[in-house]
């Protein structure tokens, strides 16, 4: 009897197949479907069960507001949301005036809980283009001279409020990375940034090869680097030393 025809072998393969199917099914923790201003449909997916998204149409900029709720545990340093265009746009992709919100454009509000066991002194949000080569050079330049919109996924300020943090520099309009610092956001507390504008252009010819725009929003928290903690400790020691010597001279 061939080995694979043996009942125990078939049973073992069935168990392995079930395990692989279960793993594949558990890889995606959630999803959200949106339709952009071009008429293209998008799917937002994520793998961390500590994350959830909700959409409220007609509130905020563009098509509406996406509200993100997430908890970072001590073993989670970053979280990704994958944005995948799954249908071709139904409207022309021309951009005749500056500020045209064609493509995927919405406001992002967040409620992010720190459950990592350490206080956060910073946070980073970054867009990563998954398949940038499927955007032609013509599309990349398809903007009027007075419109600074780039072709890649980027941020806008929809009355951005960093709450406990402060922006590192000016708001990164039309750029792909947003960083904040200061704080801190203590362990067990929640950071609630609002008014984060998200924008990604869509192009009709991009989907001609069956692959649309795809990008990732990656978010990660930060704490003081060890070298910074050492410097802080040395500074504190120096201050205490000066204070002690001053008291000795007075005495």
C-alpha atoms as a PDB file:
ATOM      1  CA  UNK A   1       0.000   0.000   0.000  1.00  0.00           C
ATOM      2  CA  UNK A   2       1.423   3.416  -0.970  1.00  0.00           C
ATOM      3  CA  UNK A   3       2.367   5.466   2.054  1.00  0.00           C
ATOM      4  CA  UNK A   4      -0.060   8.325   1.273  1.00  0.00           C
ATOM      5  CA  UNK A   5      -2.923   5.846   0.893  1.00  0.00           C
ATOM      6  CA  UNK A   6      -2.490   4.581   4.430  1.00  0.00           C
ATOM      7  CA  UNK A   7      -5.432   5.641   6.673  1.00  0.00           C
ATOM      8  CA  UNK A   8      -3.083   7.091   9.287  1.00  0.00           C
ATOM      9  CA  UNK A   9      -1.235   9.078   6.637  1.00  0.00           C
ATOM     10  CA  UNK A  10      -4.496  10.469   5.264  1.00  0.00           C
ATOM     11  CA  UNK A  11      -5.585  11.361   8.781  1.00  0.00           C
ATOM     12  CA  UNK A  12      -2.290  13.100   9.463  1.00  0.00           C
ATOM     13  CA  UNK A  13      -2.546  15.074   6.215  1.00  0.00           C
ATOM     14  CA  UNK A  14      -6.079  16.084   7.099  1.00  0.00           C
ATOM     15  CA  UNK A  15      -4.916  17.394  10.467  1.00  0.00           C
ATOM     16  CA  UNK A  16      -2.056  19.295   8.822  1.00  0.00           C
ATOM     17  CA  UNK A  17      -4.438  20.759   6.225  1.00  0.00           C
ATOM     18  CA  UNK A  18      -6.867  21.844   8.926  1.00  0.00           C
ATOM     19  CA  UNK A  19      -4.022  23.449  10.873  1.00  0.00           C
ATOM     20  CA  UNK A  20      -2.814  25.354   7.809  1.00  0.00           C
ATOM     21  CA  UNK A  21      -6.341  26.519   7.021  1.00  0.00           C
ATOM     22  CA  UNK A  22      -6.814  27.618  10.598  1.00  0.00           C
ATOM     23  CA  UNK A  23      -3.524  29.523  10.545  1.00  0.00           C
ATOM     24  CA  UNK A  24      -4.443  31.210   7.276  1.00  0.00           C
ATOM     25  CA  UNK A  25      -7.842  32.169   8.619  1.00  0.00           C
ATOM     26  CA  UNK A  26      -6.402  33.569  11.835  1.00  0.00           C
ATOM     27  CA  UNK A  27      -3.771  35.638   9.977  1.00  0.00           C
ATOM     28  CA  UNK A  28      -6.376  38.317   9.325  1.00  0.00           C
ATOM     29  CA  UNK A  29      -7.838  39.762  12.490  1.00  0.00           C
ATOM     30  CA  UNK A  30     -10.215  42.193  10.788  1.00  0.00           C
ATOM     31  CA  UNK A  31     -11.119  44.140   7.653  1.00  0.00           C
ATOM     32  CA  UNK A  32     -13.004  47.252   6.556  1.00  0.00           C
ATOM     33  CA  UNK A  33     -14.315  48.099   3.064  1.00  0.00           C
ATOM     34  CA  UNK A  34     -14.358  51.651   1.665  1.00  0.00           C
ATOM     35  CA  UNK A  35     -15.194  53.286  -1.680  1.00  0.00           C
ATOM     36  CA  UNK A  36     -13.047  56.272  -2.623  1.00  0.00           C
ATOM     37  CA  UNK A  37     -13.950  59.438  -4.520  1.00  0.00           C
ATOM     38  CA  UNK A  38     -12.878  57.789  -7.765  1.00  0.00           C
ATOM     39  CA  UNK A  39     -15.406  55.000  -7.256  1.00  0.00           C
ATOM     40  CA  UNK A  40     -12.661  52.452  -6.583  1.00  0.00           C
ATOM     41  CA  UNK A  41     -13.273  49.967  -3.795  1.00  0.00           C
ATOM     42  CA  UNK A  42     -10.645  49.422  -1.100  1.00  0.00           C
ATOM     43  CA  UNK A  43     -10.119  46.809   1.574  1.00  0.00           C
ATOM     44  CA  UNK A  44      -8.349  47.665   4.822  1.00  0.00           C
ATOM     45  CA  UNK A  45      -6.955  44.629   6.642  1.00  0.00           C
ATOM     46  CA  UNK A  46      -4.916  43.994   9.785  1.00  0.00           C
ATOM     47  CA  UNK A  47      -3.529  41.011  11.672  1.00  0.00           C
ATOM     48  CA  UNK A  48      -3.430  42.227  15.289  1.00  0.00           C
ATOM     49  CA  UNK A  49      -6.575  41.315  17.252  1.00  0.00           C
ATOM     50  CA  UNK A  50      -5.887  44.289  19.548  1.00  0.00           C
ATOM     51  CA  UNK A  51      -6.863  46.636  16.683  1.00  0.00           C
ATOM     52  CA  UNK A  52     -10.266  47.616  15.298  1.00  0.00           C
ATOM     53  CA  UNK A  53     -11.535  50.153  12.752  1.00  0.00           C
ATOM     54  CA  UNK A  54     -14.915  51.833  12.300  1.00  0.00           C
ATOM     55  CA  UNK A  55     -16.078  54.165   9.503  1.00  0.00           C
ATOM     56  CA  UNK A  56     -18.421  57.140   9.717  1.00  0.00           C
ATOM     57  CA  UNK A  57     -19.359  58.527   6.284  1.00  0.00           C
ATOM     58  CA  UNK A  58     -19.910  62.249   5.810  1.00  0.00           C
ATOM     59  CA  UNK A  59     -17.911  63.279   8.881  1.00  0.00           C
ATOM     60  CA  UNK A  60     -14.428  64.746   8.483  1.00  0.00           C
ATOM     61  CA  UNK A  61     -12.667  65.223   5.157  1.00  0.00           C
ATOM     62  CA  UNK A  62     -13.079  63.311   1.908  1.00  0.00           C
ATOM     63  CA  UNK A  63     -15.356  60.277   2.229  1.00  0.00           C
ATOM     64  CA  UNK A  64     -15.597  60.421   6.044  1.00  0.00           C
ATOM     65  CA  UNK A  65     -13.781  59.455   9.240  1.00  0.00           C
ATOM     66  CA  UNK A  66     -12.099  56.186  10.158  1.00  0.00           C
ATOM     67  CA  UNK A  67     -11.752  55.659  13.910  1.00  0.00           C
ATOM     68  CA  UNK A  68      -8.973  53.358  15.052  1.00  0.00           C
ATOM     69  CA  UNK A  69      -8.932  51.706  18.483  1.00  0.00           C
ATOM     70  CA  UNK A  70      -5.805  49.770  19.430  1.00  0.00           C
ATOM     71  CA  UNK A  71      -3.871  48.439  22.413  1.00  0.00           C
ATOM     72  CA  UNK A  72      -0.093  48.061  22.311  1.00  0.00           C
ATOM     73  CA  UNK A  73       1.086  45.299  24.632  1.00  0.00           C
ATOM     74  CA  UNK A  74       4.706  44.834  25.718  1.00  0.00           C
ATOM     75  CA  UNK A  75       5.370  42.390  22.871  1.00  0.00           C
ATOM     76  CA  UNK A  76       3.932  44.717  20.194  1.00  0.00           C
ATOM     77  CA  UNK A  77       6.217  47.517  19.027  1.00  0.00           C
ATOM     78  CA  UNK A  78       4.317  48.378  15.831  1.00  0.00           C
ATOM     79  CA  UNK A  79       1.011  47.783  14.065  1.00  0.00           C
ATOM     80  CA  UNK A  80       0.237  47.710  10.342  1.00  0.00           C
ATOM     81  CA  UNK A  81      -2.938  48.412   8.412  1.00  0.00           C
ATOM     82  CA  UNK A  82      -2.861  47.247   4.785  1.00  0.00           C
ATOM     83  CA  UNK A  83      -4.806  49.327   2.239  1.00  0.00           C
ATOM     84  CA  UNK A  84      -5.558  47.411  -0.977  1.00  0.00           C
ATOM     85  CA  UNK A  85      -7.407  48.772  -4.012  1.00  0.00           C
ATOM     86  CA  UNK A  86      -9.590  45.893  -5.224  1.00  0.00           C
ATOM     87  CA  UNK A  87     -11.552  47.448  -8.135  1.00  0.00           C
ATOM     88  CA  UNK A  88     -10.839  49.840 -10.970  1.00  0.00           C
ATOM     89  CA  UNK A  89     -11.968  53.484 -10.555  1.00  0.00           C
ATOM     90  CA  UNK A  90     -15.272  54.340 -12.207  1.00  0.00           C
ATOM     91  CA  UNK A  91     -14.538  58.054 -12.650  1.00  0.00           C
ATOM     92  CA  UNK A  92     -11.864  59.914 -14.673  1.00  0.00           C
ATOM     93  CA  UNK A  93      -8.563  60.367 -12.890  1.00  0.00           C
ATOM     94  CA  UNK A  94      -7.906  63.911 -14.090  1.00  0.00           C
ATOM     95  CA  UNK A  95      -7.190  66.469 -11.374  1.00  0.00           C
ATOM     96  CA  UNK A  96      -8.243  69.804 -12.939  1.00  0.00           C
ATOM     97  CA  UNK A  97      -7.963  71.965  -9.817  1.00  0.00           C
ATOM     98  CA  UNK A  98      -5.620  72.149  -6.860  1.00  0.00           C
ATOM     99  CA  UNK A  99      -6.857  70.412  -3.744  1.00  0.00           C
ATOM    100  CA  UNK A 100      -9.052  67.936  -5.621  1.00  0.00           C
ATOM    101  CA  UNK A 101      -9.643  65.016  -3.251  1.00  0.00           C
ATOM    102  CA  UNK A 102      -9.733  62.364  -5.953  1.00  0.00           C
ATOM    103  CA  UNK A 103      -8.675  58.974  -4.725  1.00  0.00           C
ATOM    104  CA  UNK A 104      -8.818  57.644  -1.181  1.00  0.00           C
ATOM    105  CA  UNK A 105      -9.140  60.590   1.197  1.00  0.00           C
ATOM    106  CA  UNK A 106     -10.449  60.457   4.776  1.00  0.00           C
ATOM    107  CA  UNK A 107      -9.856  61.666   8.329  1.00  0.00           C
ATOM    108  CA  UNK A 108      -8.279  59.306  10.871  1.00  0.00           C
ATOM    109  CA  UNK A 109      -9.047  59.599  14.596  1.00  0.00           C
ATOM    110  CA  UNK A 110      -7.320  57.249  17.036  1.00  0.00           C
ATOM    111  CA  UNK A 111      -7.603  55.857  20.556  1.00  0.00           C
ATOM    112  CA  UNK A 112      -4.338  54.077  21.340  1.00  0.00           C
ATOM    113  CA  UNK A 113      -3.770  52.460  24.728  1.00  0.00           C
ATOM    114  CA  UNK A 114      -0.292  52.006  26.155  1.00  0.00           C
ATOM    115  CA  UNK A 115      -0.144  48.592  27.792  1.00  0.00           C
ATOM    116  CA  UNK A 116       3.587  48.041  27.200  1.00  0.00           C
ATOM    117  CA  UNK A 117       4.800  48.515  30.776  1.00  0.00           C
ATOM    118  CA  UNK A 118       6.819  51.655  29.912  1.00  0.00           C
ATOM    119  CA  UNK A 119       5.981  55.309  29.338  1.00  0.00           C
ATOM    120  CA  UNK A 120       6.002  56.493  25.718  1.00  0.00           C
ATOM    121  CA  UNK A 121       7.927  59.625  24.778  1.00  0.00           C
ATOM    122  CA  UNK A 122       7.108  59.527  21.094  1.00  0.00           C
ATOM    123  CA  UNK A 123       5.060  57.941  18.338  1.00  0.00           C
ATOM    124  CA  UNK A 124       5.541  57.492  14.601  1.00  0.00           C
ATOM    125  CA  UNK A 125       3.057  56.971  11.765  1.00  0.00           C
ATOM    126  CA  UNK A 126       4.454  56.085   8.347  1.00  0.00           C
ATOM    127  CA  UNK A 127       3.035  55.192   4.928  1.00  0.00           C
ATOM    128  CA  UNK A 128       4.826  52.494   2.941  1.00  0.00           C
ATOM    129  CA  UNK A 129       4.035  51.965  -0.757  1.00  0.00           C
ATOM    130  CA  UNK A 130       3.882  48.227  -1.497  1.00  0.00           C
ATOM    131  CA  UNK A 131       4.006  48.382  -5.314  1.00  0.00           C
ATOM    132  CA  UNK A 132       5.230  51.868  -6.304  1.00  0.00           C
ATOM    133  CA  UNK A 133       6.472  50.699  -9.705  1.00  0.00           C
ATOM    134  CA  UNK A 134       2.923  50.270 -11.036  1.00  0.00           C
ATOM    135  CA  UNK A 135       2.452  54.058 -11.093  1.00  0.00           C
ATOM    136  CA  UNK A 136       3.685  55.536 -14.377  1.00  0.00           C
ATOM    137  CA  UNK A 137       5.925  58.584 -14.635  1.00  0.00           C
ATOM    138  CA  UNK A 138       3.038  60.371 -16.356  1.00  0.00           C
ATOM    139  CA  UNK A 139       0.720  59.716 -13.420  1.00  0.00           C
ATOM    140  CA  UNK A 140       3.375  60.817 -10.966  1.00  0.00           C
ATOM    141  CA  UNK A 141       3.459  64.212 -12.714  1.00  0.00           C
ATOM    142  CA  UNK A 142      -0.303  64.493 -13.264  1.00  0.00           C
ATOM    143  CA  UNK A 143      -0.844  67.565 -11.089  1.00  0.00           C
ATOM    144  CA  UNK A 144      -1.176  71.295 -11.717  1.00  0.00           C
ATOM    145  CA  UNK A 145       1.824  73.400 -10.806  1.00  0.00           C
ATOM    146  CA  UNK A 146       0.088  74.952  -7.801  1.00  0.00           C
ATOM    147  CA  UNK A 147      -0.858  71.590  -6.289  1.00  0.00           C
ATOM    148  CA  UNK A 148       1.803  69.968  -4.111  1.00  0.00           C
ATOM    149  CA  UNK A 149      -0.001  66.643  -3.825  1.00  0.00           C
ATOM    150  CA  UNK A 150       2.380  63.721  -4.355  1.00  0.00           C
ATOM    151  CA  UNK A 151       1.367  60.472  -6.031  1.00  0.00           C
ATOM    152  CA  UNK A 152       2.179  58.351  -2.948  1.00  0.00           C
ATOM    153  CA  UNK A 153       0.139  57.961   0.252  1.00  0.00           C
ATOM    154  CA  UNK A 154       0.577  61.051   2.397  1.00  0.00           C
ATOM    155  CA  UNK A 155      -0.765  63.058   5.333  1.00  0.00           C
ATOM    156  CA  UNK A 156      -2.912  66.174   5.617  1.00  0.00           C
ATOM    157  CA  UNK A 157      -3.838  68.122   8.700  1.00  0.00           C
ATOM    158  CA  UNK A 158      -7.590  67.863   9.286  1.00  0.00           C
ATOM    159  CA  UNK A 159      -7.253  70.131  12.334  1.00  0.00           C
ATOM    160  CA  UNK A 160      -4.703  67.695  13.747  1.00  0.00           C
ATOM    161  CA  UNK A 161      -4.593  67.478  17.541  1.00  0.00           C
ATOM    162  CA  UNK A 162      -1.656  65.554  19.047  1.00  0.00           C
ATOM    163  CA  UNK A 163      -3.098  65.840  22.573  1.00  0.00           C
ATOM    164  CA  UNK A 164      -0.437  64.547  25.034  1.00  0.00           C
ATOM    165  CA  UNK A 165       2.325  64.735  22.431  1.00  0.00           C
ATOM    166  CA  UNK A 166       3.708  67.580  20.322  1.00  0.00           C
ATOM    167  CA  UNK A 167       4.602  67.584  16.625  1.00  0.00           C
ATOM    168  CA  UNK A 168       8.252  67.157  15.714  1.00  0.00           C
ATOM    169  CA  UNK A 169       8.464  70.277  13.584  1.00  0.00           C
ATOM    170  CA  UNK A 170       5.616  71.395  11.319  1.00  0.00           C
ATOM    171  CA  UNK A 171       2.787  69.105  10.247  1.00  0.00           C
ATOM    172  CA  UNK A 172       4.090  66.946   7.373  1.00  0.00           C
ATOM    173  CA  UNK A 173       1.526  67.963   4.750  1.00  0.00           C
ATOM    174  CA  UNK A 174       1.930  65.906   1.553  1.00  0.00           C
ATOM    175  CA  UNK A 175       4.630  63.761   3.208  1.00  0.00           C
ATOM    176  CA  UNK A 176       4.615  60.112   4.244  1.00  0.00           C
ATOM    177  CA  UNK A 177       5.854  60.228   7.854  1.00  0.00           C
ATOM    178  CA  UNK A 178       4.283  61.821  10.930  1.00  0.00           C
ATOM    179  CA  UNK A 179       6.228  61.881  14.204  1.00  0.00           C
ATOM    180  CA  UNK A 180       5.370  63.321  17.594  1.00  0.00           C
ATOM    181  CA  UNK A 181       7.362  63.553  20.807  1.00  0.00           C
ATOM    182  CA  UNK A 182       7.270  64.773  24.370  1.00  0.00           C
ATOM    183  CA  UNK A 183       4.468  63.270  26.352  1.00  0.00           C
ATOM    184  CA  UNK A 184       4.884  61.075  28.157  1.00  0.00           C
ATOM    185  CA  UNK A 185       1.960  58.705  27.748  1.00  0.00           C
ATOM    186  CA  UNK A 186       2.218  56.566  30.870  1.00  0.00           C
ATOM    187  CA  UNK A 187       1.659  52.830  30.953  1.00  0.00           C
ATOM    188  CA  UNK A 188      -2.063  52.114  31.200  1.00  0.00           C
ATOM    189  CA  UNK A 189      -3.032  55.472  29.667  1.00  0.00           C
ATOM    190  CA  UNK A 190      -4.522  56.227  26.241  1.00  0.00           C
ATOM    191  CA  UNK A 191      -3.281  58.558  23.516  1.00  0.00           C
ATOM    192  CA  UNK A 192      -6.093  60.131  21.470  1.00  0.00           C
ATOM    193  CA  UNK A 193      -4.804  61.950  18.354  1.00  0.00           C
ATOM    194  CA  UNK A 194      -7.465  63.330  16.015  1.00  0.00           C
ATOM    195  CA  UNK A 195      -7.653  65.035  12.637  1.00  0.00           C
ATOM    196  CA  UNK A 196      -5.046  62.953  10.787  1.00  0.00           C
ATOM    197  CA  UNK A 197      -5.754  63.364   7.072  1.00  0.00           C
ATOM    198  CA  UNK A 198      -5.005  60.351   4.860  1.00  0.00           C
ATOM    199  CA  UNK A 199      -4.775  60.648   1.063  1.00  0.00           C
ATOM    200  CA  UNK A 200      -3.798  58.235  -1.723  1.00  0.00           C
ATOM    201  CA  UNK A 201      -4.394  58.984  -5.416  1.00  0.00           C
ATOM    202  CA  UNK A 202      -5.891  56.348  -7.718  1.00  0.00           C
ATOM    203  CA  UNK A 203      -5.269  56.099 -11.462  1.00  0.00           C
ATOM    204  CA  UNK A 204      -7.380  54.305 -14.049  1.00  0.00           C
ATOM    205  CA  UNK A 205      -4.399  52.937 -15.969  1.00  0.00           C
ATOM    206  CA  UNK A 206      -2.795  51.469 -12.837  1.00  0.00           C
ATOM    207  CA  UNK A 207      -5.507  48.825 -12.548  1.00  0.00           C
ATOM    208  CA  UNK A 208      -5.154  47.798 -16.209  1.00  0.00           C
ATOM    209  CA  UNK A 209      -2.735  45.061 -15.122  1.00  0.00           C
ATOM    210  CA  UNK A 210      -5.158  43.829 -12.455  1.00  0.00           C
ATOM    211  CA  UNK A 211      -3.140  45.278  -9.589  1.00  0.00           C
ATOM    212  CA  UNK A 212      -4.256  48.481  -7.904  1.00  0.00           C
ATOM    213  CA  UNK A 213      -2.660  50.809  -5.380  1.00  0.00           C
ATOM    214  CA  UNK A 214      -1.495  49.122  -2.187  1.00  0.00           C
ATOM    215  CA  UNK A 215       0.091  50.766   0.822  1.00  0.00           C
ATOM    216  CA  UNK A 216       0.648  50.196   4.536  1.00  0.00           C
ATOM    217  CA  UNK A 217       0.109  52.525   7.471  1.00  0.00           C
ATOM    218  CA  UNK A 218       2.665  51.496  10.115  1.00  0.00           C
ATOM    219  CA  UNK A 219       2.451  52.915  13.633  1.00  0.00           C
ATOM    220  CA  UNK A 220       5.045  52.464  16.375  1.00  0.00           C
ATOM    221  CA  UNK A 221       5.784  53.890  19.808  1.00  0.00           C
ATOM    222  CA  UNK A 222       9.075  55.146  21.236  1.00  0.00           C
ATOM    223  CA  UNK A 223      10.773  55.444  24.624  1.00  0.00           C
ATOM    224  CA  UNK A 224      13.996  57.268  25.623  1.00  0.00           C
ATOM    225  CA  UNK A 225      17.120  55.600  24.243  1.00  0.00           C
ATOM    226  CA  UNK A 226      19.496  54.108  26.848  1.00  0.00           C
ATOM    227  CA  UNK A 227      22.093  56.792  26.048  1.00  0.00           C
ATOM    228  CA  UNK A 228      19.520  59.483  26.755  1.00  0.00           C
ATOM    229  CA  UNK A 229      18.678  57.866  30.068  1.00  0.00           C
ATOM    230  CA  UNK A 230      22.385  57.805  30.966  1.00  0.00           C
ATOM    231  CA  UNK A 231      22.736  61.494  30.125  1.00  0.00           C
ATOM    232  CA  UNK A 232      19.646  62.271  32.169  1.00  0.00           C
ATOM    233  CA  UNK A 233      21.127  60.334  35.075  1.00  0.00           C
ATOM    234  CA  UNK A 234      24.453  62.161  34.812  1.00  0.00           C
ATOM    235  CA  UNK A 235      22.676  65.499  34.683  1.00  0.00           C
ATOM    236  CA  UNK A 236      20.648  64.636  37.764  1.00  0.00           C
ATOM    237  CA  UNK A 237      23.828  63.550  39.595  1.00  0.00           C
ATOM    238  CA  UNK A 238      25.561  66.788  38.655  1.00  0.00           C
ATOM    239  CA  UNK A 239      22.638  68.872  39.898  1.00  0.00           C
ATOM    240  CA  UNK A 240      22.534  66.978  43.189  1.00  0.00           C
ATOM    241  CA  UNK A 241      26.308  67.408  43.539  1.00  0.00           C
ATOM    242  CA  UNK A 242      26.084  71.158  43.066  1.00  0.00           C
ATOM    243  CA  UNK A 243      23.265  71.321  45.574  1.00  0.00           C
ATOM    244  CA  UNK A 244      25.281  69.293  48.141  1.00  0.00           C
ATOM    245  CA  UNK A 245      28.407  71.457  47.702  1.00  0.00           C
ATOM    246  CA  UNK A 246      26.321  74.613  48.050  1.00  0.00           C
ATOM    247  CA  UNK A 247      24.849  73.357  51.321  1.00  0.00           C
ATOM    248  CA  UNK A 248      28.338  72.457  52.562  1.00  0.00           C
ATOM    249  CA  UNK A 249      29.667  75.951  51.801  1.00  0.00           C
ATOM    250  CA  UNK A 250      26.681  77.588  53.529  1.00  0.00           C
ATOM    251  CA  UNK A 251      27.114  75.339  56.552  1.00  0.00           C
END
